């Protein structure tokens, strides 16, 4: 029997009920505009109240490609010895229904030694799960290929391998690379530029920007060491794979759609912010 991956983050990162989920999705989705044809996107994965509208921009940006399958490169927040852990078959349950895994593409990819068929590695990981209702709501009836990518030396190669198999399978595919940016403040034990708004501003305007600039340069090989040195992305492996996959299929540019933080959201609501997490939305584009 093919496995069903049950929601682990519903009711915490996003609503667990269908009606509540749909209401929030309707509120989050906005028009998006950029030059070029989409092949993939960078998407944040925090709770929807913080990063949902930013994530919705990324998913909306790939809609013109009319994908059959969405390959989601996820972050690894737990210990995982695999370079890439794939959920190779079955379905993922969300409050909006079921999403089927592209089992044929998964079988092609898992022929390569860099990949492990490891459904258990996805049991509690939220970085892919929180994207799925957005995908269902915006992209409709598509298949998915969930791959968690460890931020190691093979991350970019993992993306290139997947893209090669996509090309040979003759599918319409887009890639989502799931990451949040700098986790700053006492909650994360990371305050190299002081406590409070000055440090939060540095995290967004300097530390996040270092990582985003590498994405914009389509520098798949540099994002993992950058994040390791400066603690400015939790999904650097996913981003390296996403950039490399997009390049392998002809991407020539990156259009930034939005860069915001959890602190921005709290301050806009009249609250007080001592911690901050960065969120980036952007799309990899093919030439016109």
C-alpha atoms as a PDB file:
ATOM      1  CA  UNK A   1       0.000   0.000   0.000  1.00  0.00           C
ATOM      2  CA  UNK A   2       1.323   3.430  -0.918  1.00  0.00           C
ATOM      3  CA  UNK A   3       1.899   5.679   2.101  1.00  0.00           C
ATOM      4  CA  UNK A   4      -0.214   8.669   3.057  1.00  0.00           C
ATOM      5  CA  UNK A   5       1.712  11.489   4.674  1.00  0.00           C
ATOM      6  CA  UNK A   6      -0.552  13.032   7.304  1.00  0.00           C
ATOM      7  CA  UNK A   7      -0.311  16.757   8.132  1.00  0.00           C
ATOM      8  CA  UNK A   8       2.115  17.547  10.927  1.00  0.00           C
ATOM      9  CA  UNK A   9       1.920  21.357  10.902  1.00  0.00           C
ATOM     10  CA  UNK A  10      -1.815  21.924  10.325  1.00  0.00           C
ATOM     11  CA  UNK A  11      -3.334  23.785  13.235  1.00  0.00           C
ATOM     12  CA  UNK A  12       0.040  25.334  14.068  1.00  0.00           C
ATOM     13  CA  UNK A  13       1.611  26.798  10.921  1.00  0.00           C
ATOM     14  CA  UNK A  14      -1.691  27.089   9.041  1.00  0.00           C
ATOM     15  CA  UNK A  15      -5.364  26.255   9.701  1.00  0.00           C
ATOM     16  CA  UNK A  16      -6.366  22.636  10.126  1.00  0.00           C
ATOM     17  CA  UNK A  17      -9.912  23.106   8.818  1.00  0.00           C
ATOM     18  CA  UNK A  18     -10.799  23.378   5.147  1.00  0.00           C
ATOM     19  CA  UNK A  19     -13.016  26.471   5.470  1.00  0.00           C
ATOM     20  CA  UNK A  20     -10.485  28.346   7.599  1.00  0.00           C
ATOM     21  CA  UNK A  21      -7.694  27.341   5.262  1.00  0.00           C
ATOM     22  CA  UNK A  22      -9.562  28.566   2.179  1.00  0.00           C
ATOM     23  CA  UNK A  23     -10.461  31.849   3.834  1.00  0.00           C
ATOM     24  CA  UNK A  24      -6.844  32.533   4.695  1.00  0.00           C
ATOM     25  CA  UNK A  25      -5.672  31.528   1.216  1.00  0.00           C
ATOM     26  CA  UNK A  26      -8.146  33.941  -0.381  1.00  0.00           C
ATOM     27  CA  UNK A  27      -6.804  36.718   1.836  1.00  0.00           C
ATOM     28  CA  UNK A  28      -3.166  35.929   1.061  1.00  0.00           C
ATOM     29  CA  UNK A  29      -3.182  35.560  -2.725  1.00  0.00           C
ATOM     30  CA  UNK A  30      -2.260  38.744  -4.603  1.00  0.00           C
ATOM     31  CA  UNK A  31      -1.457  39.618  -8.223  1.00  0.00           C
ATOM     32  CA  UNK A  32       2.164  39.125  -9.231  1.00  0.00           C
ATOM     33  CA  UNK A  33       4.078  40.714 -12.084  1.00  0.00           C
ATOM     34  CA  UNK A  34       7.559  40.038 -13.484  1.00  0.00           C
ATOM     35  CA  UNK A  35       9.389  39.660 -16.798  1.00  0.00           C
ATOM     36  CA  UNK A  36      10.149  36.270 -18.339  1.00  0.00           C
ATOM     37  CA  UNK A  37       8.771  32.742 -18.150  1.00  0.00           C
ATOM     38  CA  UNK A  38       8.844  31.006 -14.743  1.00  0.00           C
ATOM     39  CA  UNK A  39      10.734  27.780 -14.130  1.00  0.00           C
ATOM     40  CA  UNK A  40      10.945  27.904 -10.341  1.00  0.00           C
ATOM     41  CA  UNK A  41      10.790  30.043  -7.226  1.00  0.00           C
ATOM     42  CA  UNK A  42      12.159  30.613  -3.752  1.00  0.00           C
ATOM     43  CA  UNK A  43       9.427  30.318  -1.134  1.00  0.00           C
ATOM     44  CA  UNK A  44       9.387  30.821   2.669  1.00  0.00           C
ATOM     45  CA  UNK A  45       7.946  28.249   5.033  1.00  0.00           C
ATOM     46  CA  UNK A  46       7.046  29.885   8.349  1.00  0.00           C
ATOM     47  CA  UNK A  47       3.560  30.144   9.798  1.00  0.00           C
ATOM     48  CA  UNK A  48       1.148  31.650   7.328  1.00  0.00           C
ATOM     49  CA  UNK A  49       0.389  34.633   9.563  1.00  0.00           C
ATOM     50  CA  UNK A  50       3.998  35.696   9.003  1.00  0.00           C
ATOM     51  CA  UNK A  51       5.151  34.353   5.646  1.00  0.00           C
ATOM     52  CA  UNK A  52       1.969  33.156   3.929  1.00  0.00           C
ATOM     53  CA  UNK A  53       1.376  36.199   1.692  1.00  0.00           C
ATOM     54  CA  UNK A  54       5.031  36.144   0.640  1.00  0.00           C
ATOM     55  CA  UNK A  55       4.872  32.422  -0.124  1.00  0.00           C
ATOM     56  CA  UNK A  56       1.674  32.946  -2.104  1.00  0.00           C
ATOM     57  CA  UNK A  57       3.511  35.366  -4.401  1.00  0.00           C
ATOM     58  CA  UNK A  58       6.074  32.677  -5.221  1.00  0.00           C
ATOM     59  CA  UNK A  59       3.503  29.999  -5.934  1.00  0.00           C
ATOM     60  CA  UNK A  60       1.405  32.417  -8.005  1.00  0.00           C
ATOM     61  CA  UNK A  61       4.500  33.360  -9.991  1.00  0.00           C
ATOM     62  CA  UNK A  62       4.975  29.820 -11.329  1.00  0.00           C
ATOM     63  CA  UNK A  63       1.313  29.408 -12.317  1.00  0.00           C
ATOM     64  CA  UNK A  64       1.831  30.665 -15.918  1.00  0.00           C
ATOM     65  CA  UNK A  65       4.035  27.612 -16.551  1.00  0.00           C
ATOM     66  CA  UNK A  66       0.934  25.402 -16.080  1.00  0.00           C
ATOM     67  CA  UNK A  67       2.975  22.675 -14.411  1.00  0.00           C
ATOM     68  CA  UNK A  68       2.016  19.035 -14.296  1.00  0.00           C
ATOM     69  CA  UNK A  69       4.394  18.420 -11.390  1.00  0.00           C
ATOM     70  CA  UNK A  70       5.863  20.667  -8.707  1.00  0.00           C
ATOM     71  CA  UNK A  71       9.240  19.552  -7.395  1.00  0.00           C
ATOM     72  CA  UNK A  72       9.609  20.941  -3.873  1.00  0.00           C
ATOM     73  CA  UNK A  73      13.112  21.104  -2.469  1.00  0.00           C
ATOM     74  CA  UNK A  74      12.667  21.307   1.287  1.00  0.00           C
ATOM     75  CA  UNK A  75      14.846  22.360   4.183  1.00  0.00           C
ATOM     76  CA  UNK A  76      16.083  19.869   6.766  1.00  0.00           C
ATOM     77  CA  UNK A  77      15.301  20.980  10.319  1.00  0.00           C
ATOM     78  CA  UNK A  78      16.037  17.606  11.912  1.00  0.00           C
ATOM     79  CA  UNK A  79      18.972  15.233  11.708  1.00  0.00           C
ATOM     80  CA  UNK A  80      19.078  13.517   8.307  1.00  0.00           C
ATOM     81  CA  UNK A  81      22.225  11.759   7.113  1.00  0.00           C
ATOM     82  CA  UNK A  82      20.970  11.581   3.521  1.00  0.00           C
ATOM     83  CA  UNK A  83      22.081  14.124   0.946  1.00  0.00           C
ATOM     84  CA  UNK A  84      18.495  14.143  -0.329  1.00  0.00           C
ATOM     85  CA  UNK A  85      15.501  12.359   1.194  1.00  0.00           C
ATOM     86  CA  UNK A  86      12.609  11.742  -1.161  1.00  0.00           C
ATOM     87  CA  UNK A  87       9.008  10.835  -0.483  1.00  0.00           C
ATOM     88  CA  UNK A  88       8.804   8.506  -3.504  1.00  0.00           C
ATOM     89  CA  UNK A  89       5.181   7.346  -3.673  1.00  0.00           C
ATOM     90  CA  UNK A  90       1.715   7.754  -2.279  1.00  0.00           C
ATOM     91  CA  UNK A  91      -0.132  10.922  -1.330  1.00  0.00           C
ATOM     92  CA  UNK A  92       0.095  13.884   1.043  1.00  0.00           C
ATOM     93  CA  UNK A  93      -3.035  14.827   2.962  1.00  0.00           C
ATOM     94  CA  UNK A  94      -3.892  18.494   3.486  1.00  0.00           C
ATOM     95  CA  UNK A  95      -7.044  20.253   4.736  1.00  0.00           C
ATOM     96  CA  UNK A  96      -7.942  20.694   1.050  1.00  0.00           C
ATOM     97  CA  UNK A  97      -7.594  17.044   0.073  1.00  0.00           C
ATOM     98  CA  UNK A  98      -4.889  14.821  -1.359  1.00  0.00           C
ATOM     99  CA  UNK A  99      -1.851  15.563  -3.498  1.00  0.00           C
ATOM    100  CA  UNK A 100      -0.298  12.625  -5.344  1.00  0.00           C
ATOM    101  CA  UNK A 101       3.430  12.077  -5.624  1.00  0.00           C
ATOM    102  CA  UNK A 102       4.789  11.879  -9.166  1.00  0.00           C
ATOM    103  CA  UNK A 103       5.925   8.294  -8.735  1.00  0.00           C
ATOM    104  CA  UNK A 104       7.329   7.912 -12.243  1.00  0.00           C
ATOM    105  CA  UNK A 105       9.591  10.935 -11.862  1.00  0.00           C
ATOM    106  CA  UNK A 106      10.530   9.800  -8.359  1.00  0.00           C
ATOM    107  CA  UNK A 107      11.597   6.413  -9.699  1.00  0.00           C
ATOM    108  CA  UNK A 108      13.791   8.074 -12.311  1.00  0.00           C
ATOM    109  CA  UNK A 109      15.447  10.299  -9.743  1.00  0.00           C
ATOM    110  CA  UNK A 110      16.058   7.622  -7.112  1.00  0.00           C
ATOM    111  CA  UNK A 111      18.193   5.682  -9.595  1.00  0.00           C
ATOM    112  CA  UNK A 112      20.927   8.141  -8.679  1.00  0.00           C
ATOM    113  CA  UNK A 113      23.023   7.441  -5.569  1.00  0.00           C
ATOM    114  CA  UNK A 114      22.639  10.963  -4.159  1.00  0.00           C
ATOM    115  CA  UNK A 115      18.965  10.270  -3.394  1.00  0.00           C
ATOM    116  CA  UNK A 116      17.375   8.102  -0.731  1.00  0.00           C
ATOM    117  CA  UNK A 117      13.754   6.972  -0.688  1.00  0.00           C
ATOM    118  CA  UNK A 118      13.019   8.057   2.873  1.00  0.00           C
ATOM    119  CA  UNK A 119       9.366   8.836   3.692  1.00  0.00           C
ATOM    120  CA  UNK A 120      10.177   8.778   7.411  1.00  0.00           C
ATOM    121  CA  UNK A 121      12.420  11.805   6.933  1.00  0.00           C
ATOM    122  CA  UNK A 122       9.339  13.842   6.013  1.00  0.00           C
ATOM    123  CA  UNK A 123       7.129  12.822   8.925  1.00  0.00           C
ATOM    124  CA  UNK A 124       7.524  16.008  10.982  1.00  0.00           C
ATOM    125  CA  UNK A 125       9.247  18.362   8.528  1.00  0.00           C
ATOM    126  CA  UNK A 126       7.119  21.437   7.825  1.00  0.00           C
ATOM    127  CA  UNK A 127       9.093  23.196   5.068  1.00  0.00           C
ATOM    128  CA  UNK A 128       7.354  21.280   2.273  1.00  0.00           C
ATOM    129  CA  UNK A 129       4.013  20.718   3.975  1.00  0.00           C
ATOM    130  CA  UNK A 130       3.144  24.396   4.445  1.00  0.00           C
ATOM    131  CA  UNK A 131       3.415  24.954   0.675  1.00  0.00           C
ATOM    132  CA  UNK A 132       0.903  22.279  -0.284  1.00  0.00           C
ATOM    133  CA  UNK A 133      -2.427  24.051   0.333  1.00  0.00           C
ATOM    134  CA  UNK A 134      -1.018  27.039  -1.585  1.00  0.00           C
ATOM    135  CA  UNK A 135      -0.145  24.721  -4.456  1.00  0.00           C
ATOM    136  CA  UNK A 136      -3.606  23.160  -4.414  1.00  0.00           C
ATOM    137  CA  UNK A 137      -5.379  26.510  -4.250  1.00  0.00           C
ATOM    138  CA  UNK A 138      -3.279  28.319  -6.870  1.00  0.00           C
ATOM    139  CA  UNK A 139      -2.013  25.586  -9.212  1.00  0.00           C
ATOM    140  CA  UNK A 140      -4.886  23.123  -9.022  1.00  0.00           C
ATOM    141  CA  UNK A 141      -4.575  19.446  -9.879  1.00  0.00           C
ATOM    142  CA  UNK A 142      -0.833  18.865 -10.000  1.00  0.00           C
ATOM    143  CA  UNK A 143       1.481  16.169  -8.730  1.00  0.00           C
ATOM    144  CA  UNK A 144       4.340  16.808  -6.352  1.00  0.00           C
ATOM    145  CA  UNK A 145       7.829  15.477  -5.793  1.00  0.00           C
ATOM    146  CA  UNK A 146       8.927  16.219  -2.201  1.00  0.00           C
ATOM    147  CA  UNK A 147      12.722  16.178  -1.701  1.00  0.00           C
ATOM    148  CA  UNK A 148      14.441  17.373   1.467  1.00  0.00           C
ATOM    149  CA  UNK A 149      17.961  18.566   0.654  1.00  0.00           C
ATOM    150  CA  UNK A 150      20.711  18.667   3.259  1.00  0.00           C
ATOM    151  CA  UNK A 151      22.921  21.775   3.024  1.00  0.00           C
ATOM    152  CA  UNK A 152      26.043  19.947   1.907  1.00  0.00           C
ATOM    153  CA  UNK A 153      28.480  19.860  -0.959  1.00  0.00           C
ATOM    154  CA  UNK A 154      26.112  17.842  -3.167  1.00  0.00           C
ATOM    155  CA  UNK A 155      23.099  20.174  -2.877  1.00  0.00           C
ATOM    156  CA  UNK A 156      23.567  21.860  -6.256  1.00  0.00           C
ATOM    157  CA  UNK A 157      24.300  18.543  -7.956  1.00  0.00           C
ATOM    158  CA  UNK A 158      21.022  17.191  -6.575  1.00  0.00           C
ATOM    159  CA  UNK A 159      19.172  19.965  -8.378  1.00  0.00           C
ATOM    160  CA  UNK A 160      20.990  19.313 -11.637  1.00  0.00           C
ATOM    161  CA  UNK A 161      20.188  15.592 -11.496  1.00  0.00           C
ATOM    162  CA  UNK A 162      16.494  16.254 -10.902  1.00  0.00           C
ATOM    163  CA  UNK A 163      16.383  18.754 -13.762  1.00  0.00           C
ATOM    164  CA  UNK A 164      18.053  16.290 -16.119  1.00  0.00           C
ATOM    165  CA  UNK A 165      15.442  13.668 -15.307  1.00  0.00           C
ATOM    166  CA  UNK A 166      12.687  16.255 -15.732  1.00  0.00           C
ATOM    167  CA  UNK A 167      13.997  17.097 -19.184  1.00  0.00           C
ATOM    168  CA  UNK A 168      14.194  13.450 -20.221  1.00  0.00           C
ATOM    169  CA  UNK A 169      10.710  12.725 -18.866  1.00  0.00           C
ATOM    170  CA  UNK A 170       9.218  15.489 -21.058  1.00  0.00           C
ATOM    171  CA  UNK A 171       7.140  16.926 -18.213  1.00  0.00           C
ATOM    172  CA  UNK A 172       6.005  20.457 -17.486  1.00  0.00           C
ATOM    173  CA  UNK A 173       7.663  20.950 -14.120  1.00  0.00           C
ATOM    174  CA  UNK A 174       8.420  23.885 -11.843  1.00  0.00           C
ATOM    175  CA  UNK A 175      10.717  23.917  -8.820  1.00  0.00           C
ATOM    176  CA  UNK A 176      10.076  25.438  -5.410  1.00  0.00           C
ATOM    177  CA  UNK A 177      13.049  25.966  -3.085  1.00  0.00           C
ATOM    178  CA  UNK A 178      11.826  26.313   0.495  1.00  0.00           C
ATOM    179  CA  UNK A 179      13.818  28.439   2.940  1.00  0.00           C
ATOM    180  CA  UNK A 180      13.515  31.122   5.564  1.00  0.00           C
ATOM    181  CA  UNK A 181      16.327  33.614   6.045  1.00  0.00           C
ATOM    182  CA  UNK A 182      18.130  35.017   9.106  1.00  0.00           C
ATOM    183  CA  UNK A 183      16.719  33.884  12.447  1.00  0.00           C
ATOM    184  CA  UNK A 184      17.695  36.805  14.660  1.00  0.00           C
ATOM    185  CA  UNK A 185      17.101  37.525  18.335  1.00  0.00           C
ATOM    186  CA  UNK A 186      17.196  35.925  21.776  1.00  0.00           C
ATOM    187  CA  UNK A 187      14.752  33.190  20.750  1.00  0.00           C
ATOM    188  CA  UNK A 188      17.399  31.911  18.330  1.00  0.00           C
ATOM    189  CA  UNK A 189      20.540  32.706  20.325  1.00  0.00           C
ATOM    190  CA  UNK A 190      21.813  34.884  17.478  1.00  0.00           C
ATOM    191  CA  UNK A 191      22.337  38.602  18.131  1.00  0.00           C
ATOM    192  CA  UNK A 192      25.743  39.572  16.688  1.00  0.00           C
ATOM    193  CA  UNK A 193      24.595  43.157  16.092  1.00  0.00           C
ATOM    194  CA  UNK A 194      22.832  43.764  19.342  1.00  0.00           C
ATOM    195  CA  UNK A 195      19.419  43.385  20.865  1.00  0.00           C
ATOM    196  CA  UNK A 196      16.320  45.053  19.439  1.00  0.00           C
ATOM    197  CA  UNK A 197      15.534  47.017  16.316  1.00  0.00           C
ATOM    198  CA  UNK A 198      19.102  47.827  15.289  1.00  0.00           C
ATOM    199  CA  UNK A 199      20.024  44.156  15.168  1.00  0.00           C
ATOM    200  CA  UNK A 200      16.758  43.230  13.474  1.00  0.00           C
ATOM    201  CA  UNK A 201      17.410  45.859  10.804  1.00  0.00           C
ATOM    202  CA  UNK A 202      20.921  44.473  10.217  1.00  0.00           C
ATOM    203  CA  UNK A 203      19.508  40.953   9.898  1.00  0.00           C
ATOM    204  CA  UNK A 204      17.177  42.039   7.108  1.00  0.00           C
ATOM    205  CA  UNK A 205      19.155  44.701   5.283  1.00  0.00           C
ATOM    206  CA  UNK A 206      22.635  43.168   5.510  1.00  0.00           C
ATOM    207  CA  UNK A 207      22.588  39.505   6.463  1.00  0.00           C
ATOM    208  CA  UNK A 208      19.515  38.444   4.488  1.00  0.00           C
ATOM    209  CA  UNK A 209      20.701  40.516   1.559  1.00  0.00           C
ATOM    210  CA  UNK A 210      24.019  38.675   1.347  1.00  0.00           C
ATOM    211  CA  UNK A 211      22.107  35.454   0.748  1.00  0.00           C
ATOM    212  CA  UNK A 212      19.526  36.999  -1.587  1.00  0.00           C
ATOM    213  CA  UNK A 213      22.285  38.541  -3.706  1.00  0.00           C
ATOM    214  CA  UNK A 214      23.710  35.068  -4.324  1.00  0.00           C
ATOM    215  CA  UNK A 215      20.278  33.827  -5.389  1.00  0.00           C
ATOM    216  CA  UNK A 216      19.963  36.768  -7.785  1.00  0.00           C
ATOM    217  CA  UNK A 217      23.402  35.920  -9.181  1.00  0.00           C
ATOM    218  CA  UNK A 218      22.202  32.315  -9.712  1.00  0.00           C
ATOM    219  CA  UNK A 219      25.228  31.160  -7.710  1.00  0.00           C
ATOM    220  CA  UNK A 220      24.158  27.665  -6.720  1.00  0.00           C
ATOM    221  CA  UNK A 221      27.577  26.694  -5.365  1.00  0.00           C
ATOM    222  CA  UNK A 222      27.930  29.615  -2.936  1.00  0.00           C
ATOM    223  CA  UNK A 223      24.640  29.636  -1.033  1.00  0.00           C
ATOM    224  CA  UNK A 224      25.455  26.678   1.231  1.00  0.00           C
ATOM    225  CA  UNK A 225      28.820  28.009   2.463  1.00  0.00           C
ATOM    226  CA  UNK A 226      27.294  31.491   2.791  1.00  0.00           C
ATOM    227  CA  UNK A 227      24.550  30.206   5.083  1.00  0.00           C
ATOM    228  CA  UNK A 228      27.023  28.134   7.079  1.00  0.00           C
ATOM    229  CA  UNK A 229      29.210  31.201   7.657  1.00  0.00           C
ATOM    230  CA  UNK A 230      26.543  33.825   8.314  1.00  0.00           C
ATOM    231  CA  UNK A 231      23.480  31.904   9.558  1.00  0.00           C
ATOM    232  CA  UNK A 232      21.220  33.567   7.000  1.00  0.00           C
ATOM    233  CA  UNK A 233      19.189  30.638   5.628  1.00  0.00           C
ATOM    234  CA  UNK A 234      17.818  27.417   7.111  1.00  0.00           C
ATOM    235  CA  UNK A 235      17.155  25.882   3.683  1.00  0.00           C
ATOM    236  CA  UNK A 236      20.397  26.636   1.871  1.00  0.00           C
ATOM    237  CA  UNK A 237      20.539  23.107   0.470  1.00  0.00           C
ATOM    238  CA  UNK A 238      17.060  23.506  -0.979  1.00  0.00           C
ATOM    239  CA  UNK A 239      18.013  26.848  -2.525  1.00  0.00           C
ATOM    240  CA  UNK A 240      21.223  25.457  -4.031  1.00  0.00           C
ATOM    241  CA  UNK A 241      19.227  22.625  -5.591  1.00  0.00           C
ATOM    242  CA  UNK A 242      16.546  25.020  -6.828  1.00  0.00           C
ATOM    243  CA  UNK A 243      19.025  27.386  -8.479  1.00  0.00           C
ATOM    244  CA  UNK A 244      20.932  24.530 -10.091  1.00  0.00           C
ATOM    245  CA  UNK A 245      17.766  22.866 -11.373  1.00  0.00           C
ATOM    246  CA  UNK A 246      16.508  26.121 -12.857  1.00  0.00           C
ATOM    247  CA  UNK A 247      19.871  26.775 -14.532  1.00  0.00           C
ATOM    248  CA  UNK A 248      19.964  23.258 -15.960  1.00  0.00           C
ATOM    249  CA  UNK A 249      16.648  23.949 -17.688  1.00  0.00           C
ATOM    250  CA  UNK A 250      17.732  27.310 -19.081  1.00  0.00           C
ATOM    251  CA  UNK A 251      17.029  29.935 -16.409  1.00  0.00           C
ATOM    252  CA  UNK A 252      18.838  33.201 -17.046  1.00  0.00           C
ATOM    253  CA  UNK A 253      17.428  35.479 -14.368  1.00  0.00           C
ATOM    254  CA  UNK A 254      15.875  35.878 -10.949  1.00  0.00           C
ATOM    255  CA  UNK A 255      13.093  38.360 -10.210  1.00  0.00           C
ATOM    256  CA  UNK A 256      12.696  39.279  -6.558  1.00  0.00           C
ATOM    257  CA  UNK A 257       9.036  39.654  -5.628  1.00  0.00           C
ATOM    258  CA  UNK A 258       9.138  40.467  -1.919  1.00  0.00           C
ATOM    259  CA  UNK A 259      11.505  40.455   1.043  1.00  0.00           C
ATOM    260  CA  UNK A 260       9.954  40.829   4.465  1.00  0.00           C
ATOM    261  CA  UNK A 261      10.371  39.576   8.027  1.00  0.00           C
ATOM    262  CA  UNK A 262       8.317  38.416  10.964  1.00  0.00           C
ATOM    263  CA  UNK A 263       9.398  41.584  12.774  1.00  0.00           C
ATOM    264  CA  UNK A 264       7.958  43.687   9.949  1.00  0.00           C
ATOM    265  CA  UNK A 265       4.616  41.944  10.440  1.00  0.00           C
ATOM    266  CA  UNK A 266       4.646  42.470  14.194  1.00  0.00           C
ATOM    267  CA  UNK A 267       5.613  46.134  13.928  1.00  0.00           C
ATOM    268  CA  UNK A 268       2.998  46.790  11.236  1.00  0.00           C
ATOM    269  CA  UNK A 269       0.390  45.392  13.628  1.00  0.00           C
ATOM    270  CA  UNK A 270       1.535  47.807  16.331  1.00  0.00           C
ATOM    271  CA  UNK A 271       3.412  45.191  18.300  1.00  0.00           C
ATOM    272  CA  UNK A 272       6.928  44.969  19.701  1.00  0.00           C
ATOM    273  CA  UNK A 273       9.635  42.899  17.997  1.00  0.00           C
ATOM    274  CA  UNK A 274      12.749  41.451  19.619  1.00  0.00           C
ATOM    275  CA  UNK A 275      13.081  38.457  17.264  1.00  0.00           C
ATOM    276  CA  UNK A 276      12.924  38.294  13.490  1.00  0.00           C
ATOM    277  CA  UNK A 277      12.931  35.721  10.686  1.00  0.00           C
ATOM    278  CA  UNK A 278      13.439  36.747   7.069  1.00  0.00           C
ATOM    279  CA  UNK A 279      11.205  35.707   4.168  1.00  0.00           C
ATOM    280  CA  UNK A 280      12.012  35.931   0.473  1.00  0.00           C
ATOM    281  CA  UNK A 281       9.785  35.446  -2.570  1.00  0.00           C
ATOM    282  CA  UNK A 282      11.340  35.379  -6.008  1.00  0.00           C
ATOM    283  CA  UNK A 283      11.080  33.588  -9.327  1.00  0.00           C
ATOM    284  CA  UNK A 284      13.664  32.007 -11.633  1.00  0.00           C
ATOM    285  CA  UNK A 285      12.931  32.950 -15.210  1.00  0.00           C
ATOM    286  CA  UNK A 286      13.597  31.670 -18.682  1.00  0.00           C
ATOM    287  CA  UNK A 287      14.226  34.242 -21.421  1.00  0.00           C
ATOM    288  CA  UNK A 288      11.230  35.581 -23.341  1.00  0.00           C
END
